[in-house]
Amino acid sequence: MECRLGCGACCIAPSISSAIPGMPEGKPAGVRCIQLDDNNLCKIFGQSGRPEVCSGFKADRAVCGQENSVALSNLIVLETLTR
């Protein structure tokens, strides 16, 4: 499955413990990444400063569903289960 452009769920729901440009301490779960633009696109996609956890995420129909709201909900549940 290809990521849906403008979804952004994977940039909001999970916590990220590694540094992100503009967020040197990473980000807590449920906080919008500073690198997510107004169109829910990653401003550092494909760049070397992008955290490995971000570049390693692969969209999957079971997680992302058919809609952005489903992806966000599913990723919130997964984040909660893996704390």
PDB file of N, CA and C in Angstrom:
ATOM      1  N   MET A   1       0.846  -1.180   0.000  1.00  0.00           N
ATOM      2  CA  MET A   1       0.000   0.000   0.000  1.00  0.00           C
ATOM      3  C   MET A   1       0.888   1.238   0.000  1.00  0.00           C
ATOM      4  N   GLU A   2       0.522   2.215  -0.782  1.00  0.00           N
ATOM      5  CA  GLU A   2       1.212   3.508  -0.782  1.00  0.00           C
ATOM      6  C   GLU A   2       0.579   4.408   0.275  1.00  0.00           C
ATOM      7  N   CYS A   3       1.399   5.240   0.898  1.00  0.00           N
ATOM      8  CA  CYS A   3       0.856   6.229   1.838  1.00  0.00           C
ATOM      9  C   CYS A   3      -0.118   7.145   1.099  1.00  0.00           C
ATOM     10  N   ARG A   4      -1.182   7.528   1.815  1.00  0.00           N
ATOM     11  CA  ARG A   4      -2.096   8.520   1.257  1.00  0.00           C
ATOM     12  C   ARG A   4      -1.495   9.900   1.514  1.00  0.00           C
ATOM     13  N   LEU A   5      -1.238  10.641   0.464  1.00  0.00           N
ATOM     14  CA  LEU A   5      -0.729  11.998   0.634  1.00  0.00           C
ATOM     15  C   LEU A   5      -1.723  12.806   1.453  1.00  0.00           C
ATOM     16  N   GLY A   6      -1.213  13.533   2.428  1.00  0.00           N
ATOM     17  CA  GLY A   6      -2.056  14.387   3.244  1.00  0.00           C
ATOM     18  C   GLY A   6      -2.689  13.686   4.428  1.00  0.00           C
ATOM     19  N   CYS A   7      -2.309  12.442   4.696  1.00  0.00           N
ATOM     20  CA  CYS A   7      -2.862  11.728   5.853  1.00  0.00           C
ATOM     21  C   CYS A   7      -2.241  12.267   7.139  1.00  0.00           C
ATOM     22  N   GLY A   8      -0.946  12.099   7.303  1.00  0.00           N
ATOM     23  CA  GLY A   8      -0.228  12.641   8.450  1.00  0.00           C
ATOM     24  C   GLY A   8      -0.418  11.901   9.763  1.00  0.00           C
ATOM     25  N   ALA A   9      -1.200  10.834   9.788  1.00  0.00           N
ATOM     26  CA  ALA A   9      -1.463  10.120  11.043  1.00  0.00           C
ATOM     27  C   ALA A   9      -0.181   9.622  11.696  1.00  0.00           C
ATOM     28  N   CYS A  10       0.768   9.150  10.893  1.00  0.00           N
ATOM     29  CA  CYS A  10       2.018   8.631  11.439  1.00  0.00           C
ATOM     30  C   CYS A  10       2.930   9.746  11.939  1.00  0.00           C
ATOM     31  N   CYS A  11       2.569  10.989  11.688  1.00  0.00           N
ATOM     32  CA  CYS A  11       3.328  12.146  12.170  1.00  0.00           C
ATOM     33  C   CYS A  11       2.662  12.786  13.384  1.00  0.00           C
ATOM     34  N   ILE A  12       1.563  12.214  13.818  1.00  0.00           N
ATOM     35  CA  ILE A  12       0.817  12.747  14.964  1.00  0.00           C
ATOM     36  C   ILE A  12       0.721  11.702  16.077  1.00  0.00           C
ATOM     37  N   ALA A  13       0.231  10.516  15.779  1.00  0.00           N
ATOM     38  CA  ALA A  13      -0.099   9.523  16.808  1.00  0.00           C
ATOM     39  C   ALA A  13       1.103   8.995  17.596  1.00  0.00           C
ATOM     40  N   PRO A  14       2.165   8.550  16.940  1.00  0.00           N
ATOM     41  CA  PRO A  14       3.226   7.904  17.715  1.00  0.00           C
ATOM     42  C   PRO A  14       4.165   8.887  18.402  1.00  0.00           C
ATOM     43  N   SER A  15       4.766   8.400  19.484  1.00  0.00           N
ATOM     44  CA  SER A  15       5.858   9.154  20.089  1.00  0.00           C
ATOM     45  C   SER A  15       7.106   8.884  19.245  1.00  0.00           C
ATOM     46  N   ILE A  16       7.994   9.845  19.220  1.00  0.00           N
ATOM     47  CA  ILE A  16       9.265   9.681  18.508  1.00  0.00           C
ATOM     48  C   ILE A  16      10.352  10.093  19.491  1.00  0.00           C
ATOM     49  N   SER A  17      11.215   9.165  19.839  1.00  0.00           N
ATOM     50  CA  SER A  17      12.225   9.440  20.863  1.00  0.00           C
ATOM     51  C   SER A  17      13.499  10.062  20.307  1.00  0.00           C
ATOM     52  N   SER A  18      13.713   9.962  19.014  1.00  0.00           N
ATOM     53  CA  SER A  18      14.917  10.556  18.421  1.00  0.00           C
ATOM     54  C   SER A  18      14.658  12.007  18.035  1.00  0.00           C
ATOM     55  N   ALA A  19      15.742  12.734  17.875  1.00  0.00           N
ATOM     56  CA  ALA A  19      15.646  14.150  17.505  1.00  0.00           C
ATOM     57  C   ALA A  19      15.025  14.311  16.121  1.00  0.00           C
ATOM     58  N   ILE A  20      14.239  15.371  16.008  1.00  0.00           N
ATOM     59  CA  ILE A  20      13.628  15.774  14.745  1.00  0.00           C
ATOM     60  C   ILE A  20      14.054  17.222  14.544  1.00  0.00           C
ATOM     61  N   PRO A  21      14.419  17.653  13.344  1.00  0.00           N
ATOM     62  CA  PRO A  21      14.743  19.064  13.172  1.00  0.00           C
ATOM     63  C   PRO A  21      13.601  19.942  13.718  1.00  0.00           C
ATOM     64  N   GLY A  22      13.940  20.795  14.657  1.00  0.00           N
ATOM     65  CA  GLY A  22      12.947  21.656  15.293  1.00  0.00           C
ATOM     66  C   GLY A  22      12.350  21.056  16.555  1.00  0.00           C
ATOM     67  N   MET A  23      12.607  19.782  16.788  1.00  0.00           N
ATOM     68  CA  MET A  23      12.139  19.072  17.992  1.00  0.00           C
ATOM     69  C   MET A  23      13.297  18.198  18.486  1.00  0.00           C
ATOM     70  N   PRO A  24      14.313  18.804  19.087  1.00  0.00           N
ATOM     71  CA  PRO A  24      15.526  18.065  19.442  1.00  0.00           C
ATOM     72  C   PRO A  24      15.320  16.941  20.457  1.00  0.00           C
ATOM     73  N   GLU A  25      14.242  16.979  21.203  1.00  0.00           N
ATOM     74  CA  GLU A  25      13.951  15.929  22.180  1.00  0.00           C
ATOM     75  C   GLU A  25      12.960  14.904  21.623  1.00  0.00           C
ATOM     76  N   GLY A  26      12.659  14.968  20.339  1.00  0.00           N
ATOM     77  CA  GLY A  26      11.649  14.099  19.750  1.00  0.00           C
ATOM     78  C   GLY A  26      10.268  14.677  20.006  1.00  0.00           C
ATOM     79  N   LYS A  27       9.249  13.837  20.011  1.00  0.00           N
ATOM     80  CA  LYS A  27       7.887  14.325  20.262  1.00  0.00           C
ATOM     81  C   LYS A  27       7.072  13.275  21.004  1.00  0.00           C
ATOM     82  N   PRO A  28       6.192  13.741  21.882  1.00  0.00           N
ATOM     83  CA  PRO A  28       5.315  12.789  22.569  1.00  0.00           C
ATOM     84  C   PRO A  28       4.183  12.316  21.657  1.00  0.00           C
ATOM     85  N   ALA A  29       3.597  11.207  22.029  1.00  0.00           N
ATOM     86  CA  ALA A  29       2.446  10.667  21.297  1.00  0.00           C
ATOM     87  C   ALA A  29       1.314  11.685  21.277  1.00  0.00           C
ATOM     88  N   GLY A  30       0.651  11.781  20.149  1.00  0.00           N
ATOM     89  CA  GLY A  30      -0.507  12.665  20.017  1.00  0.00           C
ATOM     90  C   GLY A  30      -0.172  14.108  19.703  1.00  0.00           C
ATOM     91  N   VAL A  31       1.113  14.425  19.641  1.00  0.00           N
ATOM     92  CA  VAL A  31       1.549  15.786  19.316  1.00  0.00           C
ATOM     93  C   VAL A  31       1.931  15.830  17.842  1.00  0.00           C
ATOM     94  N   ARG A  32       1.439  16.829  17.177  1.00  0.00           N
ATOM     95  CA  ARG A  32       1.727  17.010  15.752  1.00  0.00           C
ATOM     96  C   ARG A  32       3.218  17.336  15.573  1.00  0.00           C
ATOM     97  N   CYS A  33       3.886  16.625  14.691  1.00  0.00           N
ATOM     98  CA  CYS A  33       5.293  16.897  14.405  1.00  0.00           C
ATOM     99  C   CYS A  33       5.426  18.289  13.797  1.00  0.00           C
ATOM    100  N   ILE A  34       6.450  18.997  14.223  1.00  0.00           N
ATOM    101  CA  ILE A  34       6.693  20.348  13.712  1.00  0.00           C
ATOM    102  C   ILE A  34       6.993  20.329  12.210  1.00  0.00           C
ATOM    103  N   GLN A  35       7.422  19.189  11.688  1.00  0.00           N
ATOM    104  CA  GLN A  35       7.753  19.075  10.269  1.00  0.00           C
ATOM    105  C   GLN A  35       6.554  18.708   9.392  1.00  0.00           C
ATOM    106  N   LEU A  36       5.382  18.596   9.999  1.00  0.00           N
ATOM    107  CA  LEU A  36       4.159  18.304   9.243  1.00  0.00           C
ATOM    108  C   LEU A  36       3.548  19.634   8.806  1.00  0.00           C
ATOM    109  N   ASP A  37       3.432  19.845   7.501  1.00  0.00           N
ATOM    110  CA  ASP A  37       2.930  21.137   7.014  1.00  0.00           C
ATOM    111  C   ASP A  37       1.405  21.208   7.062  1.00  0.00           C
ATOM    112  N   ASP A  38       0.853  22.318   6.617  1.00  0.00           N
ATOM    113  CA  ASP A  38      -0.592  22.541   6.660  1.00  0.00           C
ATOM    114  C   ASP A  38      -1.384  21.563   5.793  1.00  0.00           C
ATOM    115  N   ASN A  39      -0.701  20.917   4.843  1.00  0.00           N
ATOM    116  CA  ASN A  39      -1.351  19.919   3.983  1.00  0.00           C
ATOM    117  C   ASN A  39      -1.088  18.498   4.474  1.00  0.00           C
ATOM    118  N   ASN A  40      -0.578  18.382   5.712  1.00  0.00           N
ATOM    119  CA  ASN A  40      -0.221  17.090   6.309  1.00  0.00           C
ATOM    120  C   ASN A  40       0.825  16.331   5.492  1.00  0.00           C
ATOM    121  N   LEU A  41       1.785  17.064   4.968  1.00  0.00           N
ATOM    122  CA  LEU A  41       2.907  16.471   4.252  1.00  0.00           C
ATOM    123  C   LEU A  41       4.175  16.754   5.043  1.00  0.00           C
ATOM    124  N   CYS A  42       5.083  15.784   5.069  1.00  0.00           N
ATOM    125  CA  CYS A  42       6.342  15.934   5.799  1.00  0.00           C
ATOM    126  C   CYS A  42       7.282  16.870   5.041  1.00  0.00           C
ATOM    127  N   LYS A  43       7.721  17.923   5.730  1.00  0.00           N
ATOM    128  CA  LYS A  43       8.623  18.895   5.107  1.00  0.00           C
ATOM    129  C   LYS A  43      10.035  18.357   4.934  1.00  0.00           C
ATOM    130  N   ILE A  44      10.376  17.271   5.639  1.00  0.00           N
ATOM    131  CA  ILE A  44      11.736  16.720   5.532  1.00  0.00           C
ATOM    132  C   ILE A  44      11.735  15.313   4.930  1.00  0.00           C
ATOM    133  N   PHE A  45      10.656  14.948   4.255  1.00  0.00           N
ATOM    134  CA  PHE A  45      10.559  13.635   3.621  1.00  0.00           C
ATOM    135  C   PHE A  45      11.750  13.440   2.680  1.00  0.00           C
ATOM    136  N   GLY A  46      12.426  12.305   2.826  1.00  0.00           N
ATOM    137  CA  GLY A  46      13.556  11.983   1.956  1.00  0.00           C
ATOM    138  C   GLY A  46      14.858  12.657   2.328  1.00  0.00           C
ATOM    139  N   GLN A  47      14.864  13.466   3.369  1.00  0.00           N
ATOM    140  CA  GLN A  47      16.081  14.164   3.781  1.00  0.00           C
ATOM    141  C   GLN A  47      16.791  13.391   4.891  1.00  0.00           C
ATOM    142  N   SER A  48      18.081  13.650   5.027  1.00  0.00           N
ATOM    143  CA  SER A  48      18.885  12.907   6.003  1.00  0.00           C
ATOM    144  C   SER A  48      18.501  13.210   7.451  1.00  0.00           C
ATOM    145  N   GLY A  49      17.913  14.356   7.740  1.00  0.00           N
ATOM    146  CA  GLY A  49      17.527  14.693   9.107  1.00  0.00           C
ATOM    147  C   GLY A  49      16.250  14.032   9.577  1.00  0.00           C
ATOM    148  N   ARG A  50      15.585  13.343   8.685  1.00  0.00           N
ATOM    149  CA  ARG A  50      14.332  12.665   9.043  1.00  0.00           C
ATOM    150  C   ARG A  50      14.657  11.454   9.909  1.00  0.00           C
ATOM    151  N   PRO A  51      13.967  11.308  11.063  1.00  0.00           N
ATOM    152  CA  PRO A  51      14.261  10.178  11.949  1.00  0.00           C
ATOM    153  C   PRO A  51      14.079   8.828  11.249  1.00  0.00           C
ATOM    154  N   GLU A  52      14.913   7.880  11.652  1.00  0.00           N
ATOM    155  CA  GLU A  52      14.858   6.551  11.057  1.00  0.00           C
ATOM    156  C   GLU A  52      13.498   5.889  11.264  1.00  0.00           C
ATOM    157  N   VAL A  53      12.898   6.126  12.420  1.00  0.00           N
ATOM    158  CA  VAL A  53      11.590   5.525  12.695  1.00  0.00           C
ATOM    159  C   VAL A  53      10.546   6.026  11.690  1.00  0.00           C
ATOM    160  N   CYS A  54      10.698   7.256  11.248  1.00  0.00           N
ATOM    161  CA  CYS A  54       9.765   7.816  10.256  1.00  0.00           C
ATOM    162  C   CYS A  54       9.999   7.208   8.879  1.00  0.00           C
ATOM    163  N   SER A  55      11.235   7.188   8.465  1.00  0.00           N
ATOM    164  CA  SER A  55      11.520   6.653   7.134  1.00  0.00           C
ATOM    165  C   SER A  55      11.277   5.150   7.068  1.00  0.00           C
ATOM    166  N   GLY A  56      11.320   4.466   8.210  1.00  0.00           N
ATOM    167  CA  GLY A  56      11.077   3.030   8.247  1.00  0.00           C
ATOM    168  C   GLY A  56       9.611   2.642   8.270  1.00  0.00           C
ATOM    169  N   PHE A  57       8.721   3.598   8.544  1.00  0.00           N
ATOM    170  CA  PHE A  57       7.295   3.282   8.606  1.00  0.00           C
ATOM    171  C   PHE A  57       6.773   2.978   7.203  1.00  0.00           C
ATOM    172  N   LYS A  58       6.068   1.871   7.086  1.00  0.00           N
ATOM    173  CA  LYS A  58       5.469   1.488   5.807  1.00  0.00           C
ATOM    174  C   LYS A  58       3.957   1.420   5.979  1.00  0.00           C
ATOM    175  N   ALA A  59       3.258   2.094   5.118  1.00  0.00           N
ATOM    176  CA  ALA A  59       1.794   2.063   5.158  1.00  0.00           C
ATOM    177  C   ALA A  59       1.308   0.638   4.952  1.00  0.00           C
ATOM    178  N   ASP A  60       0.269   0.285   5.685  1.00  0.00           N
ATOM    179  CA  ASP A  60      -0.312  -1.039   5.587  1.00  0.00           C
ATOM    180  C   ASP A  60      -1.823  -0.900   5.717  1.00  0.00           C
ATOM    181  N   ARG A  61      -2.555  -1.551   4.855  1.00  0.00           N
ATOM    182  CA  ARG A  61      -4.014  -1.423   4.860  1.00  0.00           C
ATOM    183  C   ARG A  61      -4.622  -1.772   6.217  1.00  0.00           C
ATOM    184  N   ALA A  62      -4.048  -2.764   6.921  1.00  0.00           N
ATOM    185  CA  ALA A  62      -4.578  -3.164   8.228  1.00  0.00           C
ATOM    186  C   ALA A  62      -4.429  -2.045   9.258  1.00  0.00           C
ATOM    187  N   VAL A  63      -3.412  -1.224   9.120  1.00  0.00           N
ATOM    188  CA  VAL A  63      -3.181  -0.115  10.045  1.00  0.00           C
ATOM    189  C   VAL A  63      -3.831   1.162   9.531  1.00  0.00           C
ATOM    190  N   CYS A  64      -3.648   1.445   8.278  1.00  0.00           N
ATOM    191  CA  CYS A  64      -4.064   2.727   7.714  1.00  0.00           C
ATOM    192  C   CYS A  64      -5.528   2.768   7.278  1.00  0.00           C
ATOM    193  N   GLY A  65      -6.106   1.613   7.036  1.00  0.00           N
ATOM    194  CA  GLY A  65      -7.507   1.579   6.625  1.00  0.00           C
ATOM    195  C   GLY A  65      -7.751   2.322   5.325  1.00  0.00           C
ATOM    196  N   GLN A  66      -8.991   2.751   5.150  1.00  0.00           N
ATOM    197  CA  GLN A  66      -9.389   3.439   3.924  1.00  0.00           C
ATOM    198  C   GLN A  66      -9.402   4.954   4.075  1.00  0.00           C
ATOM    199  N   GLU A  67      -9.335   5.440   5.319  1.00  0.00           N
ATOM    200  CA  GLU A  67      -9.460   6.884   5.564  1.00  0.00           C
ATOM    201  C   GLU A  67      -8.413   7.342   6.564  1.00  0.00           C
ATOM    202  N   ASN A  68      -8.061   8.608   6.493  1.00  0.00           N
ATOM    203  CA  ASN A  68      -7.071   9.188   7.397  1.00  0.00           C
ATOM    204  C   ASN A  68      -7.497   9.062   8.855  1.00  0.00           C
ATOM    205  N   SER A  69      -8.786   9.250   9.134  1.00  0.00           N
ATOM    206  CA  SER A  69      -9.268   9.170  10.509  1.00  0.00           C
ATOM    207  C   SER A  69      -9.090   7.763  11.068  1.00  0.00           C
ATOM    208  N   VAL A  70      -9.237   6.752  10.239  1.00  0.00           N
ATOM    209  CA  VAL A  70      -9.032   5.367  10.660  1.00  0.00           C
ATOM    210  C   VAL A  70      -7.555   5.141  10.976  1.00  0.00           C
ATOM    211  N   ALA A  71      -6.681   5.647  10.125  1.00  0.00           N
ATOM    212  CA  ALA A  71      -5.243   5.515  10.354  1.00  0.00           C
ATOM    213  C   ALA A  71      -4.854   6.152  11.681  1.00  0.00           C
ATOM    214  N   LEU A  72      -5.339   7.344  11.948  1.00  0.00           N
ATOM    215  CA  LEU A  72      -5.010   8.032  13.194  1.00  0.00           C
ATOM    216  C   LEU A  72      -5.506   7.226  14.391  1.00  0.00           C
ATOM    217  N   SER A  73      -6.729   6.756  14.325  1.00  0.00           N
ATOM    218  CA  SER A  73      -7.303   5.971  15.418  1.00  0.00           C
ATOM    219  C   SER A  73      -6.508   4.685  15.651  1.00  0.00           C
ATOM    220  N   ASN A  74      -6.194   3.975  14.589  1.00  0.00           N
ATOM    221  CA  ASN A  74      -5.437   2.723  14.717  1.00  0.00           C
ATOM    222  C   ASN A  74      -4.038   2.958  15.267  1.00  0.00           C
ATOM    223  N   LEU A  75      -3.384   4.019  14.813  1.00  0.00           N
ATOM    224  CA  LEU A  75      -2.032   4.301  15.300  1.00  0.00           C
ATOM    225  C   LEU A  75      -2.045   4.749  16.761  1.00  0.00           C
ATOM    226  N   ILE A  76      -3.084   5.431  17.186  1.00  0.00           N
ATOM    227  CA  ILE A  76      -3.217   5.794  18.601  1.00  0.00           C
ATOM    228  C   ILE A  76      -3.346   4.530  19.450  1.00  0.00           C
ATOM    229  N   VAL A  77      -4.161   3.585  19.000  1.00  0.00           N
ATOM    230  CA  VAL A  77      -4.317   2.319  19.726  1.00  0.00           C
ATOM    231  C   VAL A  77      -2.982   1.578  19.787  1.00  0.00           C
ATOM    232  N   LEU A  78      -2.281   1.483  18.670  1.00  0.00           N
ATOM    233  CA  LEU A  78      -0.991   0.790  18.656  1.00  0.00           C
ATOM    234  C   LEU A  78       0.014   1.477  19.569  1.00  0.00           C
ATOM    235  N   GLU A  79       0.032   2.782  19.571  1.00  0.00           N
ATOM    236  CA  GLU A  79       0.942   3.531  20.454  1.00  0.00           C
ATOM    237  C   GLU A  79       0.623   3.225  21.917  1.00  0.00           C
ATOM    238  N   THR A  80      -0.646   3.188  22.251  1.00  0.00           N
ATOM    239  CA  THR A  80      -1.066   2.905  23.622  1.00  0.00           C
ATOM    240  C   THR A  80      -0.658   1.489  24.033  1.00  0.00           C
ATOM    241  N   LEU A  81      -0.803   0.542  23.134  1.00  0.00           N
ATOM    242  CA  LEU A  81      -0.464  -0.854  23.434  1.00  0.00           C
ATOM    243  C   LEU A  81       1.031  -1.093  23.569  1.00  0.00           C
ATOM    244  N   THR A  82       1.848  -0.240  22.976  1.00  0.00           N
ATOM    245  CA  THR A  82       3.297  -0.468  22.979  1.00  0.00           C
ATOM    246  C   THR A  82       4.048   0.438  23.961  1.00  0.00           C
ATOM    247  N   ARG A  83       3.344   1.106  24.824  1.00  0.00           N
ATOM    248  CA  ARG A  83       4.030   1.970  25.813  1.00  0.00           C
ATOM    249  C   ARG A  83       4.765   1.166  26.819  1.00  0.00           C
TER     250      ARG A  83
END
